[in-house]
Amino acid sequence: MTPLTRFYNLLELDKKDVYQIFFYAIFSGLISLSLPLGIQAIVNFIQSGRISASWVVLIFLVVFGVALVGILSLMQIRITENLQQKIFVRSSFEFASRLPRIKFEAFYNTYPPELANRFFDTISIQKGTSKLLIDFSAALLQIAFGIILLSLYHPYFIVFGIMLFFLLYFIFKFSYNSGLETSLKESKFKYKVASWLQEMARNNLSFKGDLNYDFALQKNNNLVTDYLKYRENHFNVIKRQFTQLIIFKILITFSLLSIGGYLVLNQKMNIGQFVAAEIIILLVINSVEKIILGLETFYDVLTSIEKIGRITDMDLEEETISDTNSCFTAIVLEAENLTFKFPDATDNVLKEISLQINQGEKIFIEGENGSGKTTLIRVLSGLLQPTSGALSINDNTFRKIDLKQFRSQIGTIIQSETPFEGTILENITYNDKNISHENLKWAIEGVQLSAVIKSLPKGLETKIFPEGRQLSSSKAQKLLLARSIVHKPKILFYEDPTDAMDEKVANEIIDFITSPKYNWTVIVSSKNPYWKTKCNRIITMQNGNIILDTHN
């Protein structure tokens, strides 16, 4: 989809508002161009040396026209303000609804926070669209009406109109592609600069040494240099367009003054008509200038829409609905010849995996780094879709299972997962009103988080910074563990869930998680060997294959 098509689709959503803006622009344009006619009549009255009631009425009509144009402009501003608000709200919910549902594979080789930063392009779309709708519509209509009005004075002015439309067409035709391309490249490096500054802020302690600090500045300098290069290229396109406009203005002004003077001298126009024609010509030329200068805004809007389009084009998880509620009783997972390969990889990470996992089993997955244990957990938990083979849940293929229903019955902790910005209570429960106080207390005490919460002045209402910055890594893991069990799920999928904790505390929590009184299934990979002693099944992986599957 081209950026221009995306922009059209954006306006299509609010076409009633757009039509209103055009209607007011047409009305305003007609009034604006009727003012020179009123001025012409006033000049004729003054030339004749007569002051009459008609002269006074004309003055009041011209003043009233100016006031009415102002009111119409105010109404346009009100509509575009509503349009800006709609664009912001729609964009925010587009991001909020899509980011959690984007396929895990689509985020491969990308940095999700950097993609989320593209939301700020919404501001450019808001302001730019408002400017384009008001200024461009008014300018284009003023040019069209002005040329029609001038042609009524004399056929010579028709040539002016033809030249004008050819000018606009050629400027747009020969600069559109280069203008958009340089704008996109400029935006790309703008985001690279912002991304690097974000990295410096996230790892600010790493750049305190002189050598590291110099490296950070040098990298920023290289990125800024690239940005300035493409910014200059984009400015050259704008400069070329404006240079063409200046040349046009010189030629048109000279030609029209000469033609107007010639027509007055040969008594084919009177002084009033000449003054009115010159006013119209100035309005038309200013409208052309407004369009040419507005092309930079046009490029910015298309670029912003294209950058946001990177998010909206990402593949979402398929939402399928199952006719069965079997997930609510017990969950049996079965994989048959299951394989998985990352998008840009040549070899399979998982190779023909076949296994069955019954409700209540405690399974420890071991293997060297790169053996495929993490990928297997993510496929079984529904984060990744298998490349081939069959994954069944209660005898239903995974692609036909209700993914929402399945996820409501599992708890997960994946590597690099951290608390989000919000209260401790929000981080554990997501404000789920169905979680009872008893279950909340049970989960907090089970993972030994109660002492931590009691020591905080606001308890459960204590605010957490992004990534749980003010919490130690062990406390953050306890919070994630409480979150994973508070719903009392059927299956727990864990990647290194206790590795940041002291051995004694970690082992006590492992005893709690693997206790026989809880019939949930546990599937865990961890560097803590104590998990292995508490699980009744050990799966050993090597090079994407299961080489050993033993039951204790």
Protein backbone atom coordinates (compact mmCIF):
# COMPACT_ATOMS: atom_id res chain seq x y z
CA MET A 1 0.00 0.00 0.00
CA THR A 2 1.43 3.37 -1.01
CA PRO A 3 1.66 6.28 1.47
CA LEU A 4 -0.84 8.22 -0.67
CA THR A 5 -3.33 5.34 -0.45
CA ARG A 6 -2.87 5.17 3.31
CA PHE A 7 -3.58 8.90 3.54
CA TYR A 8 -6.73 8.52 1.46
CA ASN A 9 -7.91 5.67 3.70
CA LEU A 10 -7.26 7.85 6.75
CA LEU A 11 -9.47 10.64 5.36
CA GLU A 12 -12.11 8.12 4.26
CA LEU A 13 -12.80 7.30 7.92
CA ASP A 14 -13.90 10.90 8.55
CA LYS A 15 -15.20 11.84 5.12
CA LYS A 16 -18.20 13.73 6.57
CA ASP A 17 -15.82 16.07 8.40
CA VAL A 18 -13.69 16.42 5.27
CA TYR A 19 -16.75 17.25 3.17
CA GLN A 20 -17.75 19.91 5.70
CA ILE A 21 -14.29 21.47 5.53
CA PHE A 22 -14.49 21.54 1.71
CA PHE A 23 -18.00 23.02 1.84
CA TYR A 24 -16.86 25.85 4.10
CA ALA A 25 -13.76 26.32 1.91
CA ILE A 26 -15.94 26.67 -1.21
CA PHE A 27 -18.25 29.13 0.51
CA SER A 28 -15.31 31.08 1.92
CA GLY A 29 -13.54 31.08 -1.46
CA LEU A 30 -16.59 32.46 -3.23
CA ILE A 31 -16.96 35.24 -0.66
CA SER A 32 -13.24 36.06 -0.75
CA LEU A 33 -13.26 36.40 -4.50
CA SER A 34 -16.44 38.45 -4.49
CA LEU A 35 -14.67 41.05 -2.39
CA PRO A 36 -12.55 42.31 -5.32
CA LEU A 37 -15.81 42.88 -7.23
CA GLY A 38 -17.09 44.98 -4.34
CA ILE A 39 -13.81 46.89 -4.25
CA GLN A 40 -14.07 47.40 -8.01
CA ALA A 41 -17.54 48.92 -7.62
CA ILE A 42 -16.32 51.16 -4.77
CA VAL A 43 -13.39 52.38 -6.88
CA ASN A 44 -15.79 53.15 -9.74
CA PHE A 45 -17.98 55.17 -7.38
CA ILE A 46 -14.93 57.09 -6.14
CA GLN A 47 -13.78 57.73 -9.73
CA SER A 48 -17.15 59.18 -10.63
CA GLY A 49 -16.93 61.51 -7.61
CA ARG A 50 -20.33 60.41 -6.33
CA ILE A 51 -21.09 59.39 -2.75
CA SER A 52 -24.39 57.58 -2.46
CA ALA A 53 -26.23 55.07 -0.32
CA SER A 54 -25.04 52.32 -2.67
CA TRP A 55 -21.42 53.23 -1.91
CA VAL A 56 -22.06 52.97 1.85
CA VAL A 57 -23.92 49.66 1.40
CA LEU A 58 -21.02 48.26 -0.64
CA ILE A 59 -18.54 49.15 2.11
CA PHE A 60 -20.72 47.38 4.68
CA LEU A 61 -21.06 44.35 2.39
CA VAL A 62 -17.29 44.11 1.92
CA VAL A 63 -16.72 44.37 5.69
CA PHE A 64 -19.46 41.80 6.30
CA GLY A 65 -17.79 39.48 3.75
CA VAL A 66 -14.48 39.77 5.59
CA ALA A 67 -16.20 38.94 8.89
CA LEU A 68 -18.07 36.00 7.33
CA VAL A 69 -14.84 34.56 5.91
CA GLY A 70 -13.36 34.77 9.42
CA ILE A 71 -16.37 32.94 10.91
CA LEU A 72 -16.16 30.22 8.26
CA SER A 73 -12.45 29.81 9.01
CA LEU A 74 -13.27 29.45 12.71
CA MET A 75 -15.80 26.73 11.89
CA GLN A 76 -13.16 24.93 9.82
CA ILE A 77 -10.75 25.10 12.74
CA ARG A 78 -13.38 23.56 15.03
CA ILE A 79 -13.95 20.66 12.64
CA THR A 80 -10.23 20.03 12.15
CA GLU A 81 -9.75 20.08 15.93
CA ASN A 82 -12.36 17.32 16.21
CA LEU A 83 -10.58 15.50 13.40
CA GLN A 84 -7.23 15.79 15.17
CA GLN A 85 -8.72 14.36 18.36
CA LYS A 86 -10.23 11.45 16.43
CA ILE A 87 -6.90 10.71 14.74
CA PHE A 88 -5.11 10.68 18.11
CA VAL A 89 -7.68 8.46 19.83
CA ARG A 90 -7.89 6.08 16.86
CA SER A 91 -4.11 5.82 16.58
CA SER A 92 -3.61 5.19 20.31
CA PHE A 93 -6.15 2.37 20.34
CA GLU A 94 -4.72 0.99 17.10
CA PHE A 95 -1.34 0.68 18.80
CA ALA A 96 -2.80 -0.53 22.12
CA SER A 97 -4.93 -3.20 20.46
CA ARG A 98 -2.25 -4.40 18.05
CA LEU A 99 0.97 -4.47 20.08
CA PRO A 100 -0.10 -7.38 22.35
CA ARG A 101 -1.58 -9.33 19.41
CA ILE A 102 1.32 -9.02 16.96
CA LYS A 103 2.83 -12.40 16.19
CA PHE A 104 5.92 -13.19 18.22
CA GLU A 105 7.80 -13.93 14.99
CA ALA A 106 6.95 -10.46 13.62
CA PHE A 107 8.93 -8.88 16.46
CA TYR A 108 11.95 -10.99 15.53
CA ASN A 109 14.94 -8.76 14.72
CA THR A 110 13.06 -5.66 15.90
CA TYR A 111 13.08 -3.67 19.12
CA PRO A 112 9.42 -3.31 20.18
CA PRO A 113 9.86 -0.08 22.21
CA GLU A 114 11.39 1.59 19.14
CA LEU A 115 8.38 0.55 17.09
CA ALA A 116 6.07 1.92 19.78
CA ASN A 117 7.88 5.27 19.52
CA ARG A 118 6.36 5.63 16.07
CA PHE A 119 3.17 6.62 17.83
CA PHE A 120 4.67 10.11 18.09
CA ASP A 121 4.22 10.38 14.31
CA THR A 122 0.53 10.69 15.13
CA ILE A 123 1.25 14.29 16.18
CA SER A 124 2.66 15.05 12.72
CA ILE A 125 -0.39 13.47 11.10
CA GLN A 126 -2.75 15.48 13.33
CA LYS A 127 -1.17 18.86 12.65
CA GLY A 128 -0.28 18.15 9.03
CA THR A 129 -3.70 16.83 8.04
CA SER A 130 -5.39 19.84 9.61
CA LYS A 131 -3.11 22.23 7.72
CA LEU A 132 -3.52 20.37 4.43
CA LEU A 133 -7.30 20.23 4.62
CA ILE A 134 -7.71 23.91 5.45
CA ASP A 135 -4.87 25.51 3.50
CA PHE A 136 -4.82 23.23 0.48
CA SER A 137 -8.58 23.18 -0.01
CA ALA A 138 -8.84 26.96 0.36
CA ALA A 139 -5.84 27.55 -1.92
CA LEU A 140 -6.98 25.18 -4.68
CA LEU A 141 -10.50 26.60 -4.69
CA GLN A 142 -9.21 30.14 -4.64
CA ILE A 143 -7.01 29.40 -7.65
CA ALA A 144 -9.91 27.79 -9.55
CA PHE A 145 -12.42 30.53 -8.75
CA GLY A 146 -9.83 33.25 -9.36
CA ILE A 147 -9.00 31.98 -12.85
CA ILE A 148 -12.71 31.74 -13.72
CA LEU A 149 -13.26 35.28 -12.50
CA LEU A 150 -10.22 36.64 -14.36
CA SER A 151 -11.33 34.99 -17.60
CA LEU A 152 -14.54 37.05 -17.38
CA TYR A 153 -12.45 40.24 -17.55
CA HIS A 154 -10.59 39.20 -20.68
CA PRO A 155 -9.73 35.95 -22.56
CA TYR A 156 -6.01 36.76 -22.16
CA PHE A 157 -6.27 35.66 -18.52
CA ILE A 158 -7.27 32.14 -19.61
CA VAL A 159 -3.64 31.66 -20.73
CA PHE A 160 -2.60 32.58 -17.18
CA GLY A 161 -4.86 29.87 -15.80
CA ILE A 162 -3.48 27.20 -18.15
CA MET A 163 0.11 28.14 -17.26
CA LEU A 164 -0.74 27.96 -13.57
CA PHE A 165 -2.19 24.46 -13.68
CA PHE A 166 0.74 23.22 -15.77
CA LEU A 167 3.13 24.69 -13.20
CA LEU A 168 1.45 22.93 -10.28
CA TYR A 169 1.26 19.66 -12.20
CA PHE A 170 4.93 19.61 -13.21
CA ILE A 171 6.22 20.72 -9.80
CA PHE A 172 4.26 17.92 -8.14
CA LYS A 173 5.02 15.30 -10.80
CA PHE A 174 8.79 15.79 -10.88
CA SER A 175 9.34 16.30 -7.15
CA TYR A 176 6.82 13.95 -5.48
CA ASN A 177 8.91 10.76 -5.59
CA SER A 178 12.20 12.41 -4.61
CA GLY A 179 10.50 14.50 -1.92
CA LEU A 180 8.83 11.46 -0.34
CA GLU A 181 11.93 9.26 -0.63
CA THR A 182 14.23 11.80 1.04
CA SER A 183 11.60 12.45 3.73
CA LEU A 184 11.41 8.71 4.53
CA LYS A 185 15.19 8.41 4.76
CA GLU A 186 15.38 11.50 6.94
CA SER A 187 12.74 10.00 9.24
CA LYS A 188 14.61 6.68 9.39
CA PHE A 189 17.73 8.31 10.81
CA LYS A 190 15.67 10.55 13.07
CA TYR A 191 14.38 7.39 14.73
CA LYS A 192 17.88 5.91 14.86
CA VAL A 193 19.07 8.96 16.79
CA ALA A 194 16.09 8.71 19.15
CA SER A 195 16.66 4.97 19.58
CA TRP A 196 20.33 5.48 20.48
CA LEU A 197 19.45 8.21 23.01
CA GLN A 198 16.92 5.78 24.49
CA GLU A 199 19.64 3.13 24.75
CA MET A 200 21.93 5.62 26.51
CA ALA A 201 19.17 6.49 28.97
CA ARG A 202 18.36 2.82 29.60
CA ASN A 203 22.03 1.95 30.18
CA ASN A 204 23.22 5.28 31.56
CA LEU A 205 25.54 3.64 34.12
CA SER A 206 27.42 1.91 31.30
CA PHE A 207 28.44 5.23 29.72
CA LYS A 208 29.87 7.01 32.75
CA GLY A 209 33.50 6.12 31.98
CA ASP A 210 35.41 8.48 29.69
CA LEU A 211 36.01 5.85 27.00
CA ASN A 212 32.40 4.68 27.03
CA TYR A 213 31.16 8.28 27.10
CA ASP A 214 33.28 9.16 24.06
CA PHE A 215 31.96 6.09 22.24
CA ALA A 216 28.37 7.15 22.96
CA LEU A 217 28.98 10.67 21.66
CA GLN A 218 30.80 9.39 18.57
CA LYS A 219 27.97 7.02 17.70
CA ASN A 220 25.46 9.82 18.21
CA ASN A 221 27.59 12.04 15.97
CA ASN A 222 27.62 9.41 13.20
CA LEU A 223 23.85 8.98 13.35
CA VAL A 224 23.23 12.75 13.41
CA THR A 225 25.58 13.16 10.43
CA ASP A 226 23.53 10.67 8.44
CA TYR A 227 20.33 12.43 9.51
CA LEU A 228 21.67 15.83 8.39
CA LYS A 229 22.73 14.34 5.07
CA TYR A 230 19.22 13.14 4.22
CA ARG A 231 17.65 16.23 5.79
CA GLU A 232 19.75 18.35 3.43
CA ASN A 233 18.71 16.17 0.48
CA HIS A 234 15.07 16.69 1.41
CA PHE A 235 15.61 20.44 1.81
CA ASN A 236 17.12 20.56 -1.69
CA VAL A 237 13.85 19.19 -3.07
CA ILE A 238 11.88 21.85 -1.18
CA LYS A 239 14.36 24.53 -2.28
CA ARG A 240 14.02 23.48 -5.92
CA GLN A 241 10.24 23.71 -5.69
CA PHE A 242 10.40 27.15 -4.12
CA THR A 243 12.91 28.35 -6.72
CA GLN A 244 10.51 27.30 -9.46
CA LEU A 245 7.79 29.24 -7.66
CA ILE A 246 9.90 32.42 -7.48
CA ILE A 247 10.63 32.26 -11.20
CA PHE A 248 6.94 31.71 -11.87
CA LYS A 249 5.93 34.67 -9.69
CA ILE A 250 8.35 36.96 -11.50
CA LEU A 251 7.13 35.94 -14.94
CA ILE A 252 3.43 35.99 -14.03
CA THR A 253 3.62 39.34 -12.20
CA PHE A 254 5.44 40.96 -15.12
CA SER A 255 3.10 39.43 -17.69
CA LEU A 256 -0.13 40.28 -15.88
CA LEU A 257 0.88 43.84 -15.05
CA SER A 258 1.83 44.33 -18.69
CA ILE A 259 -1.39 42.76 -19.97
CA GLY A 260 -3.51 44.70 -17.46
CA GLY A 261 -1.81 47.98 -18.28
CA TYR A 262 -2.21 47.31 -22.01
CA LEU A 263 -5.92 46.54 -21.61
CA VAL A 264 -6.49 49.72 -19.53
CA LEU A 265 -4.61 51.91 -21.97
CA ASN A 266 -6.64 50.49 -24.85
CA GLN A 267 -9.83 51.04 -22.82
CA LYS A 268 -10.67 47.33 -22.77
CA MET A 269 -10.66 47.49 -18.94
CA ASN A 270 -11.37 50.34 -16.58
CA ILE A 271 -9.29 51.25 -13.53
CA GLY A 272 -11.72 49.48 -11.14
CA GLN A 273 -11.50 46.25 -13.12
CA PHE A 274 -7.72 46.53 -13.26
CA VAL A 275 -7.45 46.97 -9.48
CA ALA A 276 -9.84 44.06 -8.89
CA ALA A 277 -7.93 41.87 -11.36
CA GLU A 278 -4.63 42.64 -9.65
CA ILE A 279 -6.14 41.77 -6.25
CA ILE A 280 -7.38 38.46 -7.65
CA ILE A 281 -3.99 37.77 -9.23
CA LEU A 282 -2.22 38.43 -5.92
CA LEU A 283 -4.66 36.08 -4.14
CA VAL A 284 -4.07 33.38 -6.73
CA ILE A 285 -0.28 33.75 -6.59
CA ASN A 286 -0.36 33.62 -2.77
CA SER A 287 -2.50 30.48 -3.00
CA VAL A 288 0.05 28.86 -5.31
CA GLU A 289 2.82 29.82 -2.88
CA LYS A 290 0.82 28.32 -0.02
CA ILE A 291 0.49 25.03 -1.90
CA ILE A 292 4.19 24.86 -2.79
CA LEU A 293 5.27 25.61 0.78
CA GLY A 294 2.69 23.15 2.05
CA LEU A 295 4.27 20.31 0.09
CA GLU A 296 6.78 19.85 2.91
CA THR A 297 3.88 19.28 5.28
CA PHE A 298 2.39 16.91 2.73
CA TYR A 299 5.63 14.88 2.63
CA ASP A 300 5.79 14.86 6.44
CA VAL A 301 2.23 13.53 6.72
CA LEU A 302 2.82 10.78 4.15
CA THR A 303 6.09 9.82 5.86
CA SER A 304 4.42 9.65 9.27
CA ILE A 305 1.58 7.54 7.89
CA GLU A 306 4.11 5.19 6.28
CA LYS A 307 6.09 4.87 9.53
CA ILE A 308 2.95 4.03 11.50
CA GLY A 309 1.96 1.69 8.67
CA ARG A 310 4.98 -0.43 9.67
CA ILE A 311 3.04 -1.34 12.83
CA THR A 312 -0.37 -1.78 11.21
CA ASP A 313 1.12 -4.05 8.53
CA MET A 314 2.55 -6.50 11.07
CA ASP A 315 0.86 -9.89 11.12
CA LEU A 316 -1.53 -10.45 14.00
CA GLU A 317 -2.29 -13.73 15.73
CA GLU A 318 -5.24 -15.53 14.25
CA GLU A 319 -8.31 -15.37 16.44
CA THR A 320 -10.16 -18.67 16.23
CA ILE A 321 -13.05 -19.85 18.34
CA SER A 322 -13.38 -23.43 19.52
CA ASP A 323 -16.71 -25.16 20.11
CA THR A 324 -15.38 -26.95 23.16
CA ASN A 325 -14.72 -25.85 26.72
CA SER A 326 -12.34 -28.72 27.47
CA CYS A 327 -9.61 -26.27 28.48
CA PHE A 328 -11.58 -25.46 31.60
CA THR A 329 -11.31 -28.95 33.07
CA ALA A 330 -7.94 -30.47 32.22
CA ILE A 331 -5.38 -29.73 29.54
CA VAL A 332 -3.48 -32.40 27.63
CA LEU A 333 -0.81 -31.15 25.22
CA GLU A 334 0.39 -33.37 22.42
CA ALA A 335 3.04 -32.59 19.79
CA GLU A 336 3.60 -34.77 16.78
CA ASN A 337 6.57 -34.22 14.42
CA LEU A 338 6.59 -30.57 15.44
CA THR A 339 9.21 -28.27 13.87
CA PHE A 340 9.93 -24.58 14.20
CA LYS A 341 12.19 -22.20 12.29
CA PHE A 342 12.66 -18.46 12.78
CA PRO A 343 11.84 -16.24 9.77
CA ASP A 344 15.43 -15.54 8.61
CA ALA A 345 16.96 -18.85 9.75
CA THR A 346 18.03 -21.68 7.44
CA ASP A 347 17.90 -24.49 10.00
CA ASN A 348 15.02 -25.63 12.21
CA VAL A 349 15.32 -24.72 15.89
CA LEU A 350 12.98 -27.59 16.79
CA LYS A 351 13.17 -30.82 14.78
CA GLU A 352 10.30 -33.30 14.68
CA ILE A 353 9.37 -33.00 18.36
CA SER A 354 6.82 -35.61 19.53
CA LEU A 355 5.59 -35.73 23.12
CA GLN A 356 2.46 -35.78 25.28
CA ILE A 357 2.01 -33.76 28.46
CA ASN A 358 -0.80 -34.72 30.85
CA GLN A 359 -2.52 -32.57 33.45
CA GLY A 360 -0.59 -32.29 36.72
CA GLU A 361 2.85 -33.33 35.42
CA LYS A 362 5.90 -31.44 36.69
CA ILE A 363 8.36 -31.30 33.80
CA PHE A 364 11.92 -30.01 33.80
CA ILE A 365 13.47 -29.24 30.39
CA GLU A 366 17.26 -29.26 30.31
CA GLY A 367 19.91 -28.81 27.66
CA GLU A 368 22.81 -26.61 26.61
CA ASN A 369 22.32 -23.07 25.32
CA GLY A 370 20.79 -23.22 21.84
CA SER A 371 19.39 -26.71 22.35
CA GLY A 372 15.82 -25.44 21.76
CA LYS A 373 14.34 -25.68 25.26
CA THR A 374 13.20 -22.04 25.37
CA THR A 375 11.66 -22.26 21.89
CA LEU A 376 9.82 -25.46 22.86
CA ILE A 377 8.28 -23.76 25.90
CA ARG A 378 7.16 -20.81 23.79
CA VAL A 379 5.59 -23.05 21.14
CA LEU A 380 3.76 -25.12 23.77
CA SER A 381 2.51 -21.93 25.49
CA GLY A 382 1.15 -20.50 22.24
CA LEU A 383 3.63 -17.62 21.89
CA LEU A 384 5.06 -19.17 18.72
CA GLN A 385 3.26 -21.04 15.97
CA PRO A 386 4.93 -24.27 14.83
CA THR A 387 6.35 -24.18 11.32
CA SER A 388 5.13 -27.70 10.60
CA GLY A 389 3.81 -30.75 12.41
CA ALA A 390 0.84 -30.92 14.73
CA LEU A 391 0.28 -29.42 18.17
CA SER A 392 -2.92 -30.64 19.80
CA ILE A 393 -4.67 -29.43 22.93
CA ASN A 394 -7.25 -31.88 24.20
CA ASP A 395 -7.30 -33.49 20.73
CA ASN A 396 -7.93 -30.17 18.96
CA THR A 397 -5.25 -28.79 16.64
CA PHE A 398 -3.75 -25.63 18.05
CA ARG A 399 -4.77 -23.51 15.06
CA LYS A 400 -8.42 -24.27 15.79
CA ILE A 401 -8.28 -23.79 19.55
CA ASP A 402 -9.57 -20.62 21.12
CA LEU A 403 -6.25 -18.92 21.91
CA LYS A 404 -7.84 -16.55 24.43
CA GLN A 405 -9.44 -19.46 26.23
CA PHE A 406 -6.16 -21.37 26.34
CA ARG A 407 -4.21 -18.38 27.65
CA SER A 408 -6.77 -17.80 30.38
CA GLN A 409 -5.79 -21.22 31.74
CA ILE A 410 -2.00 -20.80 31.75
CA GLY A 411 0.59 -18.75 33.63
CA THR A 412 3.89 -17.79 32.03
CA ILE A 413 7.22 -16.20 32.82
CA ILE A 414 9.54 -15.73 29.85
CA GLN A 415 13.12 -14.50 29.80
CA SER A 416 13.51 -10.70 29.93
CA GLU A 417 9.93 -10.24 31.19
CA THR A 418 9.73 -7.41 33.72
CA PRO A 419 7.00 -5.60 35.70
CA PHE A 420 5.25 -2.76 33.89
CA GLU A 421 4.65 0.79 35.09
CA GLY A 422 1.76 0.71 37.52
CA THR A 423 0.94 -0.36 41.07
CA ILE A 424 1.98 -3.70 42.56
CA LEU A 425 -1.69 -4.68 42.63
CA GLU A 426 -2.10 -3.87 38.93
CA ASN A 427 1.03 -5.87 38.10
CA ILE A 428 -0.29 -8.95 39.89
CA THR A 429 -4.00 -8.85 39.01
CA TYR A 430 -4.33 -6.54 35.96
CA ASN A 431 -7.29 -5.14 37.96
CA ASP A 432 -9.23 -8.38 37.44
CA LYS A 433 -12.30 -8.06 39.71
CA ASN A 434 -12.77 -11.84 39.65
CA ILE A 435 -9.66 -12.39 41.76
CA SER A 436 -10.71 -12.79 45.38
CA HIS A 437 -8.79 -11.31 48.30
CA GLU A 438 -8.09 -14.84 49.51
CA ASN A 439 -6.48 -15.87 46.20
CA LEU A 440 -4.45 -12.66 46.09
CA LYS A 441 -3.18 -13.23 49.64
CA TRP A 442 -2.44 -16.90 48.87
CA ALA A 443 -0.38 -16.01 45.78
CA ILE A 444 1.57 -13.25 47.56
CA GLU A 445 2.40 -15.42 50.55
CA GLY A 446 3.19 -18.45 48.39
CA VAL A 447 6.02 -16.62 46.59
CA GLN A 448 7.19 -14.86 49.80
CA LEU A 449 6.26 -11.38 48.58
CA SER A 450 4.15 -10.40 51.61
CA ALA A 451 7.06 -9.07 53.70
CA VAL A 452 8.17 -6.87 50.81
CA ILE A 453 4.69 -5.41 50.32
CA LYS A 454 4.18 -4.78 54.06
CA SER A 455 7.46 -2.82 54.19
CA LEU A 456 6.22 -0.37 51.56
CA PRO A 457 4.36 2.80 52.72
CA LYS A 458 1.50 2.29 50.24
CA GLY A 459 1.55 -1.50 50.20
CA LEU A 460 -0.17 -2.94 47.15
CA GLU A 461 -0.80 0.58 45.84
CA THR A 462 2.93 1.31 45.57
CA LYS A 463 3.81 2.55 42.09
CA ILE A 464 6.44 0.63 40.13
CA PHE A 465 8.65 2.30 37.56
CA PRO A 466 9.00 0.78 34.06
CA GLU A 467 10.90 -2.53 34.17
CA GLY A 468 10.51 -2.52 37.97
CA ARG A 469 13.49 -0.22 38.33
CA GLN A 470 13.14 0.34 42.10
CA LEU A 471 12.75 -3.39 42.79
CA SER A 472 15.62 -5.83 43.11
CA SER A 473 15.70 -8.58 40.47
CA SER A 474 14.63 -11.19 43.06
CA LYS A 475 11.64 -9.09 44.16
CA ALA A 476 10.66 -8.52 40.52
CA GLN A 477 10.74 -12.30 39.94
CA LYS A 478 8.55 -12.87 42.99
CA LEU A 479 6.03 -10.38 41.61
CA LEU A 480 6.00 -12.18 38.25
CA LEU A 481 5.53 -15.51 40.01
CA ALA A 482 2.58 -14.14 42.00
CA ARG A 483 1.07 -12.86 38.75
CA SER A 484 1.47 -16.27 37.09
CA ILE A 485 -0.39 -18.23 39.81
CA VAL A 486 -3.00 -15.80 41.14
CA HIS A 487 -5.62 -17.16 38.71
CA LYS A 488 -4.77 -20.74 39.74
CA PRO A 489 -4.11 -21.78 36.12
CA LYS A 490 -3.98 -25.30 34.68
CA ILE A 491 -0.43 -24.98 33.27
CA LEU A 492 2.64 -22.95 34.28
CA PHE A 493 5.30 -22.24 31.64
CA TYR A 494 8.50 -20.94 33.23
CA GLU A 495 11.85 -19.74 31.83
CA ASP A 496 14.39 -19.20 34.64
CA PRO A 497 11.70 -18.07 37.13
CA THR A 498 13.82 -18.12 40.32
CA ASP A 499 17.37 -17.68 39.05
CA ALA A 500 17.79 -14.20 40.57
CA MET A 501 16.89 -15.35 44.10
CA ASP A 502 18.98 -16.64 46.97
CA GLU A 503 19.20 -20.43 46.98
CA LYS A 504 17.21 -20.92 50.22
CA VAL A 505 14.33 -18.65 49.16
CA ALA A 506 14.31 -20.05 45.62
CA ASN A 507 14.10 -23.62 46.89
CA GLU A 508 11.22 -22.78 49.24
CA ILE A 509 9.28 -21.20 46.38
CA ILE A 510 10.05 -24.22 44.17
CA ASP A 511 8.66 -26.47 46.90
CA PHE A 512 5.48 -24.37 46.90
CA ILE A 513 5.10 -24.38 43.09
CA THR A 514 5.72 -28.12 42.74
CA SER A 515 3.66 -29.16 45.78
CA PRO A 516 1.46 -32.23 45.05
CA LYS A 517 -1.60 -30.41 46.42
CA TYR A 518 -1.64 -28.21 43.32
CA ASN A 519 -2.71 -30.12 40.23
CA TRP A 520 -1.39 -27.61 37.76
CA THR A 521 1.10 -28.73 35.11
CA VAL A 522 4.57 -27.19 35.44
CA ILE A 523 6.90 -26.93 32.43
CA VAL A 524 10.15 -25.21 33.42
CA SER A 525 13.69 -24.60 32.20
CA SER A 526 16.13 -23.20 34.73
CA LYS A 527 19.76 -23.12 35.80
CA ASN A 528 18.64 -23.98 39.36
CA PRO A 529 19.14 -27.76 39.70
CA TYR A 530 16.61 -27.94 42.55
CA TRP A 531 13.77 -27.78 40.01
CA LYS A 532 15.03 -31.03 38.55
CA THR A 533 14.78 -32.81 41.89
CA LYS A 534 11.17 -31.69 42.38
CA CYS A 535 9.89 -32.59 38.90
CA ASN A 536 8.59 -36.06 38.03
CA ARG A 537 9.66 -35.85 34.38
CA ILE A 538 12.94 -34.76 32.79
CA ILE A 539 13.20 -33.84 29.10
CA THR A 540 16.74 -33.46 27.75
CA MET A 541 17.24 -31.53 24.50
CA GLN A 542 20.15 -31.23 22.10
CA ASN A 543 20.30 -29.43 18.75
CA GLY A 544 16.51 -29.07 18.61
CA ASN A 545 15.81 -32.73 19.35
CA ILE A 546 14.55 -34.52 22.45
CA ILE A 547 17.30 -37.03 23.19
CA LEU A 548 15.93 -38.24 26.52
CA ASP A 549 12.49 -38.21 28.16
CA THR A 550 12.48 -39.86 31.58
CA HIS A 551 9.83 -40.19 34.31
CA ASN A 552 10.75 -40.25 37.98
